[in-house]
Amino acid sequence: MKIDYLNYPYASQRMATFAKNGMVATSQPLAAQAGLDILKKGGNAIDAAIATAATLTVVEPTSNGIGGDAFALVWVKGELHGLNASGPAPKSISIDAVKAKGHEKMPTHGLLPVTVPGVPSAWAELSRRFGKLPLTEVLAPAIKYAEEGYPLSPVLAKYWKAAYNKYKETFKDPEFKSWFDTFAPEERAPEIERFGVLKAMRARFVLLQKPMRKVFTKASLQIK
């Protein structure tokens, strides 16, 4: 029997969901489960949010990444805390530096347009300030999925393959090699139902568990 996983012809609906002790909602069930597991281990909502966000970068890499920015509004004990972990431009970047590379405007891909990642410091600061569990335990689900793999959903496999096919034809420079080493170690995108394994990302998460995470950037936490 041939099954088209991207075609779902049946009429269906999703009813409201209720929970007594906690709830996690994401676009990927494995990430939601990671957050729930942290809650069951005694973590609080901040711990669960970090675990969920970290896991999403592994199980839904087409939409999330540890190299981006992060913002958060946290309500704790009657006070609102706002976190701005937007990464600044690299210290050595300038208009002249971009032009020296042969560009008249900032390219859309590659190393030049990348800002200093803000996500790692956001997780670290939220964990330090508000978390109950150690960051090593909170990042454990993401590390597990990166090391052991997980079955790809139809939508994820579709967009992963589309990205790989586009990048394979477009990005030939050596600076893109790390992307292919991380997300296409077998020189192809993983297929539907196959297990996506991102061992290169596991190494990054292990690094974030250590004090070296401070090399990325320092998140700014404002209390209002």
N, C-alpha and C. Protein backbone atom coordinates (compact mmCIF):
# COMPACT_ATOMS: atom_id res chain seq x y z
N MET A 1 0.85 -1.20 0.00
CA MET A 1 0.00 0.00 0.00
C MET A 1 0.88 1.25 0.00
N LYS A 2 0.66 2.11 -0.97
CA LYS A 2 1.44 3.34 -1.05
C LYS A 2 0.75 4.44 -0.26
N ILE A 3 1.50 5.05 0.64
CA ILE A 3 0.95 6.09 1.51
C ILE A 3 1.61 7.42 1.20
N ASP A 4 0.81 8.45 1.01
CA ASP A 4 1.32 9.79 0.82
C ASP A 4 1.21 10.52 2.16
N TYR A 5 2.33 10.65 2.86
CA TYR A 5 2.30 11.22 4.20
C TYR A 5 1.98 12.72 4.21
N LEU A 6 2.11 13.36 3.05
CA LEU A 6 1.82 14.79 2.98
C LEU A 6 0.38 15.08 2.59
N ASN A 7 -0.39 14.03 2.35
CA ASN A 7 -1.80 14.20 1.98
C ASN A 7 -2.68 13.56 3.05
N TYR A 8 -3.47 14.38 3.73
CA TYR A 8 -4.35 13.89 4.79
C TYR A 8 -5.79 14.25 4.41
N PRO A 9 -6.50 13.34 3.76
CA PRO A 9 -7.82 13.68 3.19
C PRO A 9 -8.98 13.61 4.16
N TYR A 10 -8.72 13.27 5.42
CA TYR A 10 -9.82 13.04 6.35
C TYR A 10 -10.19 14.30 7.13
N ALA A 11 -11.47 14.50 7.27
CA ALA A 11 -11.94 15.63 8.06
C ALA A 11 -11.72 15.32 9.54
N SER A 12 -11.11 16.25 10.26
CA SER A 12 -10.87 16.02 11.68
C SER A 12 -10.84 17.35 12.41
N GLN A 13 -10.91 17.30 13.70
CA GLN A 13 -10.84 18.51 14.50
C GLN A 13 -10.12 18.22 15.80
N ARG A 14 -9.54 19.26 16.38
CA ARG A 14 -8.84 19.11 17.65
C ARG A 14 -9.62 19.85 18.73
N MET A 15 -9.91 19.15 19.79
CA MET A 15 -10.68 19.72 20.88
C MET A 15 -9.75 20.41 21.87
N ALA A 16 -10.33 21.21 22.75
CA ALA A 16 -9.55 21.88 23.79
C ALA A 16 -8.92 20.85 24.72
N THR A 17 -7.72 21.17 25.20
CA THR A 17 -6.99 20.27 26.09
C THR A 17 -6.84 20.91 27.46
N PHE A 18 -7.00 20.12 28.50
CA PHE A 18 -6.91 20.62 29.86
C PHE A 18 -5.87 19.82 30.64
N ALA A 19 -5.24 20.47 31.60
CA ALA A 19 -4.25 19.78 32.43
C ALA A 19 -4.30 20.35 33.84
N LYS A 20 -3.94 19.54 34.81
CA LYS A 20 -4.00 19.95 36.21
C LYS A 20 -2.72 20.61 36.69
N ASN A 21 -1.57 20.06 36.31
CA ASN A 21 -0.30 20.51 36.88
C ASN A 21 0.61 21.26 35.92
N GLY A 22 0.32 21.24 34.67
CA GLY A 22 1.17 21.94 33.72
C GLY A 22 0.87 21.54 32.30
N MET A 23 1.25 22.38 31.37
CA MET A 23 1.00 22.11 29.96
C MET A 23 2.10 22.75 29.12
N VAL A 24 2.50 22.06 28.05
CA VAL A 24 3.50 22.57 27.12
C VAL A 24 2.93 22.47 25.71
N ALA A 25 2.97 23.56 24.98
CA ALA A 25 2.44 23.57 23.62
C ALA A 25 3.53 24.00 22.65
N THR A 26 3.80 23.18 21.66
CA THR A 26 4.78 23.50 20.63
C THR A 26 4.27 22.98 19.29
N SER A 27 5.05 23.24 18.25
CA SER A 27 4.73 22.73 16.92
C SER A 27 5.25 21.32 16.71
N GLN A 28 5.98 20.78 17.70
CA GLN A 28 6.58 19.46 17.56
C GLN A 28 6.35 18.67 18.85
N PRO A 29 5.67 17.52 18.76
CA PRO A 29 5.32 16.76 19.97
C PRO A 29 6.52 16.35 20.82
N LEU A 30 7.65 16.01 20.21
CA LEU A 30 8.82 15.59 20.98
C LEU A 30 9.34 16.73 21.84
N ALA A 31 9.29 17.95 21.32
CA ALA A 31 9.73 19.11 22.10
C ALA A 31 8.77 19.37 23.26
N ALA A 32 7.48 19.22 23.01
CA ALA A 32 6.50 19.38 24.09
C ALA A 32 6.72 18.33 25.17
N GLN A 33 7.02 17.10 24.75
CA GLN A 33 7.27 16.04 25.72
C GLN A 33 8.52 16.33 26.55
N ALA A 34 9.53 16.94 25.92
CA ALA A 34 10.74 17.30 26.66
C ALA A 34 10.42 18.29 27.77
N GLY A 35 9.60 19.27 27.45
CA GLY A 35 9.20 20.24 28.47
C GLY A 35 8.40 19.60 29.59
N LEU A 36 7.49 18.68 29.24
CA LEU A 36 6.70 17.98 30.26
C LEU A 36 7.59 17.13 31.16
N ASP A 37 8.58 16.48 30.56
CA ASP A 37 9.48 15.65 31.35
C ASP A 37 10.24 16.48 32.38
N ILE A 38 10.63 17.69 31.99
CA ILE A 38 11.33 18.56 32.93
C ILE A 38 10.40 18.98 34.07
N LEU A 39 9.14 19.25 33.76
CA LEU A 39 8.18 19.57 34.81
C LEU A 39 8.01 18.41 35.77
N LYS A 40 7.96 17.18 35.24
CA LYS A 40 7.79 16.00 36.07
C LYS A 40 8.99 15.77 36.98
N LYS A 41 10.15 16.27 36.57
CA LYS A 41 11.36 16.11 37.37
C LYS A 41 11.50 17.19 38.44
N GLY A 42 10.50 18.06 38.52
CA GLY A 42 10.53 19.10 39.53
C GLY A 42 10.94 20.46 39.02
N GLY A 43 11.14 20.57 37.72
CA GLY A 43 11.48 21.86 37.15
C GLY A 43 10.28 22.79 37.11
N ASN A 44 10.54 24.07 36.96
CA ASN A 44 9.44 25.03 36.86
C ASN A 44 9.18 25.39 35.40
N ALA A 45 8.32 26.37 35.18
CA ALA A 45 7.95 26.74 33.82
C ALA A 45 9.14 27.26 33.02
N ILE A 46 10.07 27.96 33.68
CA ILE A 46 11.24 28.47 32.98
C ILE A 46 12.13 27.33 32.53
N ASP A 47 12.35 26.35 33.40
CA ASP A 47 13.12 25.17 33.02
C ASP A 47 12.48 24.47 31.82
N ALA A 48 11.17 24.31 31.88
CA ALA A 48 10.46 23.62 30.81
C ALA A 48 10.55 24.40 29.50
N ALA A 49 10.46 25.72 29.58
CA ALA A 49 10.55 26.53 28.37
C ALA A 49 11.92 26.41 27.72
N ILE A 50 12.98 26.40 28.53
CA ILE A 50 14.33 26.26 27.99
C ILE A 50 14.51 24.89 27.35
N ALA A 51 14.06 23.85 28.04
CA ALA A 51 14.18 22.49 27.51
C ALA A 51 13.43 22.35 26.20
N THR A 52 12.24 22.94 26.14
CA THR A 52 11.43 22.87 24.94
C THR A 52 12.10 23.61 23.79
N ALA A 53 12.58 24.81 24.05
CA ALA A 53 13.23 25.60 23.00
C ALA A 53 14.48 24.91 22.50
N ALA A 54 15.28 24.37 23.41
CA ALA A 54 16.50 23.68 23.01
C ALA A 54 16.20 22.45 22.17
N THR A 55 15.19 21.70 22.57
CA THR A 55 14.82 20.50 21.82
C THR A 55 14.29 20.85 20.44
N LEU A 56 13.57 21.95 20.33
CA LEU A 56 13.06 22.37 19.03
C LEU A 56 14.19 22.61 18.02
N THR A 57 15.33 23.10 18.49
CA THR A 57 16.44 23.35 17.56
C THR A 57 16.97 22.05 16.97
N VAL A 58 16.68 20.93 17.64
CA VAL A 58 17.13 19.62 17.15
C VAL A 58 16.05 18.94 16.33
N VAL A 59 14.83 18.90 16.84
CA VAL A 59 13.76 18.14 16.19
C VAL A 59 12.99 18.96 15.16
N GLU A 60 13.26 20.25 15.09
CA GLU A 60 12.65 21.09 14.05
C GLU A 60 13.69 22.13 13.60
N PRO A 61 14.83 21.68 13.08
CA PRO A 61 15.92 22.60 12.73
C PRO A 61 15.60 23.50 11.54
N THR A 62 14.55 23.19 10.80
CA THR A 62 14.17 24.04 9.68
C THR A 62 13.55 25.35 10.14
N SER A 63 13.17 25.42 11.41
CA SER A 63 12.50 26.62 11.93
C SER A 63 13.22 27.25 13.12
N ASN A 64 14.14 26.52 13.74
CA ASN A 64 14.76 26.99 14.97
C ASN A 64 16.25 26.73 14.96
N GLY A 65 17.00 27.56 15.67
CA GLY A 65 18.44 27.36 15.74
C GLY A 65 19.04 28.04 16.95
N ILE A 66 20.18 27.51 17.43
CA ILE A 66 20.82 28.10 18.60
C ILE A 66 21.64 29.34 18.23
N GLY A 67 21.71 29.66 16.96
CA GLY A 67 22.50 30.81 16.54
C GLY A 67 21.69 32.09 16.40
N GLY A 68 20.45 32.07 16.85
CA GLY A 68 19.60 33.24 16.67
C GLY A 68 19.49 34.11 17.91
N ASP A 69 18.49 34.97 17.90
CA ASP A 69 18.20 35.86 19.03
C ASP A 69 17.09 35.26 19.88
N ALA A 70 16.93 35.81 21.07
CA ALA A 70 15.86 35.33 21.96
C ALA A 70 15.35 36.48 22.81
N PHE A 71 14.06 36.43 23.06
CA PHE A 71 13.41 37.42 23.93
C PHE A 71 12.45 36.68 24.85
N ALA A 72 12.23 37.20 26.01
CA ALA A 72 11.31 36.53 26.94
C ALA A 72 10.65 37.54 27.87
N LEU A 73 9.40 37.28 28.19
CA LEU A 73 8.68 37.98 29.24
C LEU A 73 8.35 36.95 30.31
N VAL A 74 8.85 37.19 31.51
CA VAL A 74 8.69 36.22 32.59
C VAL A 74 7.99 36.89 33.76
N TRP A 75 6.89 36.29 34.19
CA TRP A 75 6.13 36.80 35.33
C TRP A 75 6.42 35.91 36.53
N VAL A 76 7.10 36.45 37.53
CA VAL A 76 7.49 35.67 38.70
C VAL A 76 7.20 36.47 39.96
N LYS A 77 6.45 35.89 40.86
CA LYS A 77 6.16 36.49 42.17
C LYS A 77 5.65 37.93 42.05
N GLY A 78 4.74 38.12 41.13
CA GLY A 78 4.11 39.42 41.00
C GLY A 78 4.91 40.46 40.25
N GLU A 79 6.04 40.07 39.65
CA GLU A 79 6.87 41.01 38.91
C GLU A 79 7.09 40.54 37.48
N LEU A 80 7.14 41.50 36.57
CA LEU A 80 7.37 41.20 35.16
C LEU A 80 8.83 41.45 34.82
N HIS A 81 9.48 40.46 34.27
CA HIS A 81 10.88 40.56 33.87
C HIS A 81 10.97 40.42 32.36
N GLY A 82 11.68 41.31 31.73
CA GLY A 82 11.86 41.25 30.28
C GLY A 82 13.30 40.95 29.92
N LEU A 83 13.52 39.97 29.08
CA LEU A 83 14.87 39.60 28.69
C LEU A 83 15.10 39.93 27.21
N ASN A 84 16.18 40.63 26.95
CA ASN A 84 16.58 40.96 25.58
C ASN A 84 17.91 40.29 25.30
N ALA A 85 17.89 39.21 24.55
CA ALA A 85 19.10 38.49 24.19
C ALA A 85 19.31 38.55 22.68
N SER A 86 19.11 39.73 22.14
CA SER A 86 19.38 39.93 20.72
C SER A 86 20.89 40.10 20.53
N GLY A 87 21.45 39.36 19.62
CA GLY A 87 22.89 39.40 19.43
C GLY A 87 23.35 40.64 18.69
N PRO A 88 24.42 41.27 19.13
CA PRO A 88 24.95 42.44 18.43
C PRO A 88 25.75 42.02 17.20
N ALA A 89 26.10 42.99 16.40
CA ALA A 89 26.96 42.72 15.25
C ALA A 89 28.37 42.37 15.74
N PRO A 90 29.09 41.55 15.01
CA PRO A 90 30.47 41.24 15.40
C PRO A 90 31.32 42.51 15.51
N LYS A 91 32.28 42.50 16.41
CA LYS A 91 33.08 43.67 16.69
C LYS A 91 33.84 44.18 15.46
N SER A 92 34.30 43.27 14.62
CA SER A 92 35.15 43.67 13.50
C SER A 92 34.38 43.99 12.22
N ILE A 93 33.05 43.86 12.24
CA ILE A 93 32.28 44.11 11.01
C ILE A 93 32.12 45.60 10.78
N SER A 94 32.11 45.98 9.51
CA SER A 94 31.91 47.37 9.13
C SER A 94 31.52 47.41 7.66
N ILE A 95 31.06 48.58 7.21
CA ILE A 95 30.71 48.73 5.79
C ILE A 95 31.94 48.46 4.92
N ASP A 96 33.07 49.00 5.35
CA ASP A 96 34.30 48.80 4.57
C ASP A 96 34.70 47.33 4.52
N ALA A 97 34.50 46.63 5.64
CA ALA A 97 34.85 45.21 5.68
C ALA A 97 33.98 44.40 4.72
N VAL A 98 32.69 44.75 4.65
CA VAL A 98 31.79 44.06 3.74
C VAL A 98 32.19 44.33 2.29
N LYS A 99 32.49 45.57 1.98
CA LYS A 99 32.88 45.93 0.62
C LYS A 99 34.21 45.30 0.24
N ALA A 100 35.09 45.14 1.22
CA ALA A 100 36.39 44.51 0.95
C ALA A 100 36.23 43.05 0.54
N LYS A 101 35.10 42.44 0.93
CA LYS A 101 34.82 41.07 0.54
C LYS A 101 34.15 40.99 -0.83
N GLY A 102 33.97 42.15 -1.47
CA GLY A 102 33.38 42.17 -2.80
C GLY A 102 31.89 42.36 -2.85
N HIS A 103 31.29 42.83 -1.72
CA HIS A 103 29.83 43.01 -1.67
C HIS A 103 29.49 44.50 -1.63
N GLU A 104 28.48 44.88 -2.39
CA GLU A 104 27.97 46.24 -2.32
C GLU A 104 26.86 46.37 -1.31
N LYS A 105 26.28 45.24 -0.93
CA LYS A 105 25.29 45.21 0.14
C LYS A 105 25.48 43.93 0.93
N MET A 106 24.90 43.89 2.12
CA MET A 106 25.07 42.75 3.00
C MET A 106 24.46 41.50 2.36
N PRO A 107 25.22 40.41 2.21
CA PRO A 107 24.64 39.18 1.66
C PRO A 107 23.61 38.58 2.61
N THR A 108 22.75 37.74 2.07
CA THR A 108 21.70 37.13 2.89
C THR A 108 22.14 35.83 3.55
N HIS A 109 23.22 35.22 3.05
CA HIS A 109 23.70 33.96 3.61
C HIS A 109 25.21 34.04 3.82
N GLY A 110 25.71 33.09 4.60
CA GLY A 110 27.15 33.06 4.86
C GLY A 110 27.50 33.61 6.22
N LEU A 111 28.79 33.83 6.45
CA LEU A 111 29.25 34.29 7.75
C LEU A 111 29.07 35.79 7.97
N LEU A 112 29.15 36.58 6.93
CA LEU A 112 29.10 38.03 7.08
C LEU A 112 27.82 38.54 7.74
N PRO A 113 26.63 38.07 7.36
CA PRO A 113 25.41 38.64 7.95
C PRO A 113 25.06 38.08 9.32
N VAL A 114 25.85 37.17 9.85
CA VAL A 114 25.53 36.52 11.11
C VAL A 114 25.88 37.43 12.29
N THR A 115 24.92 37.64 13.18
CA THR A 115 25.17 38.39 14.41
C THR A 115 25.66 37.43 15.50
N VAL A 116 26.14 37.99 16.60
CA VAL A 116 26.57 37.16 17.72
C VAL A 116 25.35 36.43 18.30
N PRO A 117 25.38 35.11 18.40
CA PRO A 117 24.20 34.37 18.88
C PRO A 117 23.76 34.83 20.27
N GLY A 118 22.46 35.11 20.41
CA GLY A 118 21.94 35.52 21.69
C GLY A 118 21.23 34.42 22.45
N VAL A 119 20.82 33.36 21.73
CA VAL A 119 20.06 32.28 22.35
C VAL A 119 20.80 31.61 23.50
N PRO A 120 22.08 31.23 23.35
CA PRO A 120 22.75 30.54 24.46
C PRO A 120 22.76 31.33 25.76
N SER A 121 23.05 32.63 25.66
CA SER A 121 23.08 33.42 26.89
C SER A 121 21.68 33.62 27.47
N ALA A 122 20.66 33.61 26.61
CA ALA A 122 19.29 33.73 27.10
C ALA A 122 18.93 32.53 27.97
N TRP A 123 19.22 31.34 27.45
CA TRP A 123 18.94 30.13 28.23
C TRP A 123 19.73 30.13 29.54
N ALA A 124 21.01 30.51 29.46
CA ALA A 124 21.86 30.49 30.65
C ALA A 124 21.36 31.48 31.70
N GLU A 125 21.00 32.68 31.27
CA GLU A 125 20.56 33.70 32.21
C GLU A 125 19.20 33.37 32.82
N LEU A 126 18.28 32.88 32.00
CA LEU A 126 16.97 32.49 32.52
C LEU A 126 17.11 31.35 33.53
N SER A 127 17.97 30.40 33.21
CA SER A 127 18.20 29.27 34.12
C SER A 127 18.82 29.75 35.43
N ARG A 128 19.82 30.62 35.33
CA ARG A 128 20.51 31.12 36.52
C ARG A 128 19.58 31.93 37.41
N ARG A 129 18.76 32.77 36.78
CA ARG A 129 17.93 33.71 37.54
C ARG A 129 16.65 33.07 38.07
N PHE A 130 16.04 32.20 37.28
CA PHE A 130 14.71 31.73 37.65
C PHE A 130 14.57 30.21 37.72
N GLY A 131 15.50 29.46 37.14
CA GLY A 131 15.33 28.02 37.06
C GLY A 131 15.53 27.31 38.38
N LYS A 132 14.99 26.10 38.47
CA LYS A 132 15.14 25.27 39.66
C LYS A 132 16.15 24.14 39.42
N LEU A 133 16.16 23.62 38.21
CA LEU A 133 17.06 22.53 37.87
C LEU A 133 18.34 23.06 37.23
N PRO A 134 19.44 22.32 37.33
CA PRO A 134 20.67 22.76 36.67
C PRO A 134 20.51 22.75 35.16
N LEU A 135 21.22 23.64 34.49
CA LEU A 135 21.11 23.74 33.03
C LEU A 135 21.52 22.45 32.35
N THR A 136 22.45 21.71 32.94
CA THR A 136 22.86 20.43 32.35
C THR A 136 21.68 19.48 32.24
N GLU A 137 20.82 19.47 33.25
CA GLU A 137 19.66 18.58 33.21
C GLU A 137 18.59 19.10 32.26
N VAL A 138 18.45 20.41 32.18
CA VAL A 138 17.44 21.01 31.31
C VAL A 138 17.77 20.78 29.84
N LEU A 139 19.06 20.77 29.50
CA LEU A 139 19.46 20.56 28.10
C LEU A 139 19.58 19.09 27.73
N ALA A 140 19.43 18.21 28.69
CA ALA A 140 19.61 16.77 28.46
C ALA A 140 18.69 16.22 27.36
N PRO A 141 17.39 16.59 27.30
CA PRO A 141 16.55 16.04 26.23
C PRO A 141 17.03 16.42 24.83
N ALA A 142 17.47 17.65 24.66
CA ALA A 142 17.97 18.07 23.35
C ALA A 142 19.21 17.28 22.96
N ILE A 143 20.11 17.07 23.93
CA ILE A 143 21.33 16.30 23.67
C ILE A 143 20.98 14.86 23.31
N LYS A 144 20.01 14.29 23.99
CA LYS A 144 19.60 12.91 23.73
C LYS A 144 19.08 12.76 22.30
N TYR A 145 18.21 13.67 21.87
CA TYR A 145 17.66 13.56 20.52
C TYR A 145 18.73 13.82 19.46
N ALA A 146 19.68 14.71 19.75
CA ALA A 146 20.75 14.96 18.79
C ALA A 146 21.65 13.75 18.65
N GLU A 147 21.88 13.04 19.75
CA GLU A 147 22.78 11.88 19.75
C GLU A 147 22.10 10.63 19.19
N GLU A 148 20.87 10.37 19.65
CA GLU A 148 20.20 9.12 19.31
C GLU A 148 19.29 9.23 18.09
N GLY A 149 18.90 10.45 17.75
CA GLY A 149 18.03 10.63 16.59
C GLY A 149 16.55 10.58 16.96
N TYR A 150 15.72 10.84 15.99
CA TYR A 150 14.28 10.88 16.17
C TYR A 150 13.62 10.71 14.79
N PRO A 151 12.40 10.16 14.73
CA PRO A 151 11.74 9.98 13.44
C PRO A 151 11.25 11.31 12.88
N LEU A 152 11.54 11.53 11.61
CA LEU A 152 11.14 12.79 10.97
C LEU A 152 9.66 12.76 10.60
N SER A 153 8.97 13.86 10.90
CA SER A 153 7.59 14.01 10.49
C SER A 153 7.55 14.38 9.00
N PRO A 154 6.42 14.19 8.33
CA PRO A 154 6.33 14.52 6.90
C PRO A 154 6.68 15.96 6.58
N VAL A 155 6.14 16.91 7.36
CA VAL A 155 6.39 18.33 7.07
C VAL A 155 7.86 18.68 7.28
N LEU A 156 8.45 18.19 8.38
CA LEU A 156 9.86 18.47 8.64
C LEU A 156 10.74 17.91 7.52
N ALA A 157 10.49 16.68 7.12
CA ALA A 157 11.28 16.07 6.06
C ALA A 157 11.15 16.85 4.76
N LYS A 158 9.97 17.34 4.48
CA LYS A 158 9.74 18.11 3.25
C LYS A 158 10.61 19.36 3.21
N TYR A 159 10.57 20.14 4.28
CA TYR A 159 11.31 21.40 4.29
C TYR A 159 12.82 21.18 4.46
N TRP A 160 13.20 20.14 5.16
CA TRP A 160 14.62 19.81 5.31
C TRP A 160 15.21 19.47 3.94
N LYS A 161 14.47 18.65 3.19
CA LYS A 161 14.93 18.25 1.85
C LYS A 161 14.98 19.44 0.91
N ALA A 162 13.98 20.32 1.00
CA ALA A 162 13.96 21.51 0.15
C ALA A 162 15.15 22.41 0.43
N ALA A 163 15.48 22.58 1.71
CA ALA A 163 16.63 23.40 2.08
C ALA A 163 17.92 22.78 1.58
N TYR A 164 18.05 21.48 1.76
CA TYR A 164 19.28 20.80 1.31
C TYR A 164 19.45 20.92 -0.20
N ASN A 165 18.38 20.67 -0.94
CA ASN A 165 18.48 20.74 -2.40
C ASN A 165 18.84 22.16 -2.87
N LYS A 166 18.28 23.16 -2.23
CA LYS A 166 18.58 24.54 -2.59
C LYS A 166 20.03 24.90 -2.27
N TYR A 167 20.44 24.56 -1.05
CA TYR A 167 21.80 24.92 -0.62
C TYR A 167 22.86 24.16 -1.41
N LYS A 168 22.55 22.91 -1.76
CA LYS A 168 23.52 22.09 -2.49
C LYS A 168 23.85 22.71 -3.85
N GLU A 169 22.86 23.32 -4.47
CA GLU A 169 23.07 23.92 -5.79
C GLU A 169 23.59 25.35 -5.71
N THR A 170 23.37 26.00 -4.58
CA THR A 170 23.67 27.43 -4.48
C THR A 170 24.96 27.74 -3.73
N PHE A 171 25.19 27.04 -2.64
CA PHE A 171 26.29 27.41 -1.74
C PHE A 171 27.46 26.45 -1.88
N LYS A 172 28.46 26.88 -2.63
CA LYS A 172 29.63 26.05 -2.91
C LYS A 172 30.86 26.46 -2.10
N ASP A 173 30.82 27.63 -1.47
CA ASP A 173 31.99 28.14 -0.76
C ASP A 173 32.29 27.30 0.49
N PRO A 174 33.55 27.23 0.89
CA PRO A 174 33.94 26.44 2.07
C PRO A 174 33.23 26.86 3.36
N GLU A 175 32.79 28.12 3.46
CA GLU A 175 32.15 28.58 4.69
C GLU A 175 30.83 27.86 4.97
N PHE A 176 30.25 27.23 3.96
CA PHE A 176 28.98 26.53 4.15
C PHE A 176 29.18 25.05 4.50
N LYS A 177 30.43 24.59 4.55
CA LYS A 177 30.69 23.18 4.80
C LYS A 177 30.13 22.73 6.14
N SER A 178 30.23 23.58 7.16
CA SER A 178 29.74 23.19 8.49
C SER A 178 28.24 22.94 8.48
N TRP A 179 27.52 23.68 7.64
CA TRP A 179 26.05 23.45 7.55
C TRP A 179 25.78 22.05 7.03
N PHE A 180 26.48 21.67 5.96
CA PHE A 180 26.26 20.34 5.38
C PHE A 180 26.76 19.25 6.32
N ASP A 181 27.87 19.50 7.03
CA ASP A 181 28.37 18.51 7.99
C ASP A 181 27.37 18.28 9.12
N THR A 182 26.64 19.34 9.49
CA THR A 182 25.70 19.24 10.61
C THR A 182 24.36 18.66 10.18
N PHE A 183 23.79 19.18 9.11
CA PHE A 183 22.42 18.82 8.74
C PHE A 183 22.31 17.82 7.59
N ALA A 184 23.43 17.50 6.97
CA ALA A 184 23.42 16.49 5.90
C ALA A 184 24.71 15.69 5.94
N PRO A 185 25.01 15.05 7.10
CA PRO A 185 26.28 14.33 7.23
C PRO A 185 26.42 13.16 6.26
N GLU A 186 25.31 12.66 5.74
CA GLU A 186 25.35 11.56 4.76
C GLU A 186 25.18 12.08 3.34
N GLU A 187 25.39 13.40 3.18
CA GLU A 187 25.30 14.06 1.88
C GLU A 187 23.91 13.96 1.28
N ARG A 188 22.92 14.00 2.14
CA ARG A 188 21.52 14.03 1.72
C ARG A 188 20.68 14.42 2.92
N ALA A 189 19.46 14.86 2.65
CA ALA A 189 18.53 15.15 3.74
C ALA A 189 17.86 13.85 4.19
N PRO A 190 17.59 13.69 5.49
CA PRO A 190 16.90 12.49 5.95
C PRO A 190 15.48 12.43 5.41
N GLU A 191 14.97 11.23 5.24
CA GLU A 191 13.64 11.02 4.66
C GLU A 191 12.57 10.89 5.74
N ILE A 192 11.31 10.95 5.32
CA ILE A 192 10.18 10.77 6.22
C ILE A 192 10.31 9.42 6.93
N GLU A 193 10.04 9.41 8.21
CA GLU A 193 10.09 8.23 9.08
C GLU A 193 11.51 7.84 9.47
N ARG A 194 12.51 8.31 8.71
CA ARG A 194 13.89 7.97 9.06
C ARG A 194 14.30 8.73 10.31
N PHE A 195 15.36 8.30 10.94
CA PHE A 195 15.81 8.94 12.17
C PHE A 195 16.84 10.01 11.86
N GLY A 196 16.50 11.25 12.23
CA GLY A 196 17.44 12.34 12.07
C GLY A 196 18.41 12.35 13.23
N VAL A 197 19.70 12.28 12.94
CA VAL A 197 20.75 12.30 13.96
C VAL A 197 21.64 13.51 13.71
N LEU A 198 21.80 14.35 14.71
CA LEU A 198 22.58 15.58 14.57
C LEU A 198 23.68 15.60 15.64
N LYS A 199 24.65 14.72 15.49
CA LYS A 199 25.70 14.59 16.50
C LYS A 199 26.54 15.86 16.61
N ALA A 200 26.65 16.60 15.52
CA ALA A 200 27.40 17.85 15.58
C ALA A 200 26.72 18.84 16.52
N MET A 201 25.37 18.80 16.56
CA MET A 201 24.65 19.69 17.47
C MET A 201 24.82 19.24 18.92
N ARG A 202 24.97 17.95 19.13
CA ARG A 202 25.18 17.46 20.50
C ARG A 202 26.43 18.12 21.09
N ALA A 203 27.48 18.20 20.30
CA ALA A 203 28.71 18.81 20.80
C ALA A 203 28.50 20.27 21.17
N ARG A 204 27.65 20.96 20.43
CA ARG A 204 27.37 22.36 20.74
C ARG A 204 26.63 22.50 22.05
N PHE A 205 25.68 21.61 22.30
CA PHE A 205 24.92 21.68 23.55
C PHE A 205 25.81 21.35 24.74
N VAL A 206 26.70 20.39 24.58
CA VAL A 206 27.64 20.06 25.66
C VAL A 206 28.49 21.29 25.99
N LEU A 207 28.89 22.03 24.97
CA LEU A 207 29.66 23.25 25.20
C LEU A 207 28.85 24.28 25.97
N LEU A 208 27.55 24.38 25.65
CA LEU A 208 26.71 25.37 26.31
C LEU A 208 26.50 25.05 27.79
N GLN A 209 26.70 23.80 28.17
CA GLN A 209 26.52 23.43 29.56
C GLN A 209 27.65 23.94 30.45
N LYS A 210 28.74 24.37 29.84
CA LYS A 210 29.92 24.77 30.57
C LYS A 210 29.99 26.29 30.68
N PRO A 211 30.85 26.82 31.53
CA PRO A 211 31.00 28.27 31.68
C PRO A 211 31.38 28.97 30.38
N MET A 212 31.87 28.23 29.38
CA MET A 212 32.29 28.84 28.13
C MET A 212 31.13 29.48 27.37
N ARG A 213 29.90 29.19 27.83
CA ARG A 213 28.75 29.79 27.15
C ARG A 213 28.81 31.32 27.22
N LYS A 214 29.60 31.85 28.15
CA LYS A 214 29.72 33.30 28.29
C LYS A 214 30.42 33.94 27.11
N VAL A 215 31.09 33.14 26.27
CA VAL A 215 31.81 33.73 25.15
C VAL A 215 30.85 34.21 24.07
N PHE A 216 29.61 33.76 24.11
CA PHE A 216 28.67 34.13 23.06
C PHE A 216 28.24 35.60 23.21
N THR A 217 27.50 35.89 24.23
CA THR A 217 27.05 37.25 24.49
C THR A 217 26.38 37.29 25.85
N LYS A 218 26.20 38.44 26.38
CA LYS A 218 25.58 38.58 27.70
C LYS A 218 24.18 39.14 27.53
N ALA A 219 23.21 38.35 27.99
CA ALA A 219 21.83 38.79 27.88
C ALA A 219 21.55 39.94 28.83
N SER A 220 20.64 40.80 28.42
CA SER A 220 20.27 41.95 29.25
C SER A 220 18.91 41.68 29.88
N LEU A 221 18.88 41.62 31.18
CA LEU A 221 17.64 41.35 31.90
C LEU A 221 17.15 42.62 32.58
N GLN A 222 15.97 43.03 32.18
CA GLN A 222 15.38 44.26 32.72
C GLN A 222 14.18 43.91 33.58
N ILE A 223 14.04 44.59 34.68
CA ILE A 223 12.89 44.37 35.57
C ILE A 223 12.00 45.61 35.52
N LYS A 224 10.74 45.37 35.26
CA LYS A 224 9.78 46.48 35.19
C LYS A 224 8.74 46.32 36.29
